[in-house]
Protein backbone atom coordinates (compact mmCIF):
# COMPACT_ATOMS: atom_id res chain seq x y z
CA MET A 1 -14.50 -25.95 31.28
CA ASP A 2 -18.35 -26.08 30.88
CA LEU A 3 -20.45 -25.83 27.57
CA THR A 4 -21.21 -22.07 27.94
CA THR A 5 -17.49 -21.22 28.03
CA SER A 6 -16.87 -23.24 24.99
CA LEU A 7 -19.67 -21.65 23.08
CA ASP A 8 -18.35 -18.13 24.36
CA ILE A 9 -14.87 -19.12 23.15
CA SER A 10 -16.32 -20.24 19.57
CA ALA A 11 -18.58 -17.16 19.33
CA ALA A 12 -15.51 -14.75 19.84
CA GLY A 13 -13.84 -16.65 17.09
CA MET A 14 -16.64 -16.66 14.66
CA THR A 15 -17.16 -12.78 15.33
CA ALA A 16 -13.63 -12.05 14.67
CA GLN A 17 -13.58 -13.96 11.45
CA SER A 18 -16.69 -12.43 10.29
CA THR A 19 -15.35 -9.03 10.54
CA ARG A 20 -12.15 -10.46 8.51
CA LEU A 21 -14.55 -11.58 5.80
CA ARG A 22 -16.35 -8.24 5.80
CA VAL A 23 -12.84 -6.35 5.27
CA ILE A 24 -11.77 -8.90 2.56
CA ALA A 25 -15.05 -8.12 0.79
CA GLN A 26 -14.56 -4.48 0.92
CA ASN A 27 -11.11 -5.07 -0.52
CA MET A 28 -12.57 -7.20 -3.38
CA ALA A 29 -15.45 -4.75 -3.96
CA ASN A 30 -12.77 -1.80 -4.48
CA ILE A 31 -10.22 -3.81 -6.64
CA ASP A 32 -10.86 -1.21 -9.48
CA SER A 33 -11.54 1.88 -7.59
CA THR A 34 -8.98 4.50 -8.69
CA GLY A 35 -8.62 8.08 -7.52
CA SER A 36 -10.91 10.71 -9.05
CA THR A 37 -8.22 13.21 -10.04
CA PRO A 38 -4.62 12.78 -11.24
CA GLY A 39 -2.34 12.29 -8.43
CA SER A 40 -5.09 11.07 -6.04
CA ASP A 41 -4.54 7.81 -4.28
CA PRO A 42 -6.75 4.79 -5.38
CA TYR A 43 -8.53 2.64 -2.61
CA GLN A 44 -5.86 1.31 -0.10
CA ARG A 45 -6.17 -2.42 0.92
CA GLN A 46 -7.18 -2.87 4.48
CA VAL A 47 -5.77 -5.49 6.74
CA ILE A 48 -7.32 -7.01 9.98
CA ASN A 49 -5.10 -7.62 13.13
CA PHE A 50 -6.24 -9.93 15.76
CA THR A 51 -5.20 -9.83 19.50
CA ASP A 52 -6.04 -12.42 22.39
CA THR A 53 -7.51 -10.67 25.59
CA MET A 54 -8.07 -12.40 28.87
CA ASN A 55 -11.86 -12.62 29.75
CA GLN A 56 -11.69 -12.60 33.61
CA ALA A 57 -15.25 -13.77 34.00
CA LEU A 58 -14.62 -16.87 31.85
CA GLY A 59 -10.90 -17.44 32.85
CA VAL A 60 -9.84 -17.85 29.12
CA LYS A 61 -8.36 -15.88 26.41
CA LEU A 62 -10.69 -14.89 23.56
CA VAL A 63 -9.61 -13.67 20.17
CA GLU A 64 -10.72 -10.19 19.22
CA VAL A 65 -10.09 -7.74 16.44
CA GLU A 66 -7.23 -5.34 17.57
CA ASN A 67 -7.54 -2.88 14.71
CA ILE A 68 -7.97 -2.62 10.90
CA THR A 69 -5.02 -0.83 9.18
CA LYS A 70 -4.23 0.13 5.67
CA ASP A 71 -1.59 -1.84 3.86
CA ASN A 72 1.11 0.58 2.89
CA SER A 73 2.45 -1.39 -0.11
CA ALA A 74 2.97 0.51 -3.34
CA PHE A 75 -0.03 1.37 -5.71
CA PRO A 76 0.63 -0.53 -9.04
CA THR A 77 0.24 1.54 -12.32
CA LYS A 78 -1.83 1.05 -15.27
CA TYR A 79 -1.43 2.63 -18.65
CA ASP A 80 -4.88 4.11 -19.23
CA PRO A 81 -4.67 7.78 -20.76
CA SER A 82 -8.53 8.09 -21.06
CA ASN A 83 -8.91 7.60 -17.22
CA PRO A 84 -9.75 10.88 -15.43
CA ALA A 85 -7.34 9.94 -12.84
CA ALA A 86 -4.45 9.40 -15.46
CA ASN A 87 -1.18 11.55 -14.77
CA SER A 88 0.36 13.47 -17.57
CA GLN A 89 2.14 10.17 -18.94
CA GLY A 90 -1.26 8.49 -19.13
CA TYR A 91 -0.66 6.25 -16.13
CA VAL A 92 -3.22 5.69 -13.40
CA LYS A 93 -2.47 4.45 -9.92
CA MET A 94 -4.55 1.29 -9.13
CA PRO A 95 -5.45 -0.05 -5.72
CA ASN A 96 -2.92 -2.32 -3.82
CA VAL A 97 -5.35 -5.20 -3.92
CA ASN A 98 -4.55 -8.51 -5.17
CA ASN A 99 -7.39 -10.74 -5.89
CA PHE A 100 -5.49 -13.89 -5.35
CA VAL A 101 -4.18 -12.96 -1.99
CA GLU A 102 -7.87 -11.81 -1.12
CA MET A 103 -9.40 -15.24 -2.22
CA MET A 104 -6.55 -17.17 0.04
CA ASP A 105 -7.42 -15.02 2.90
CA MET A 106 -11.21 -15.59 2.51
CA GLN A 107 -10.74 -19.45 2.11
CA GLN A 108 -8.66 -19.23 5.49
CA ALA A 109 -11.11 -17.22 7.42
CA GLU A 110 -13.95 -19.46 6.13
CA ARG A 111 -12.01 -22.48 7.53
CA SER A 112 -11.20 -20.96 10.96
């Protein structure tokens, strides 16, 4: 393996992790984004999925972003009757983003 191949492998990994950091930043930026009307869904956490693909020219496998999907976990609720998105009982659906999980994912991506 020559130097150029090593750099291409590193660049592919850095590009994939850069995309991961962008998705994490979007999740954290929308941690308080509720729906605009009662019954509407708030921001839904996004999750990135990676895949390895064979690069025929280099003869090695490179990591790539396969897709970005939405996290289908339940939305937590918060009692806030003054919020425009509150239902008739005063509860608002909150985004399914957990700040601690996002921070851990960010640290892992930065170290990769």
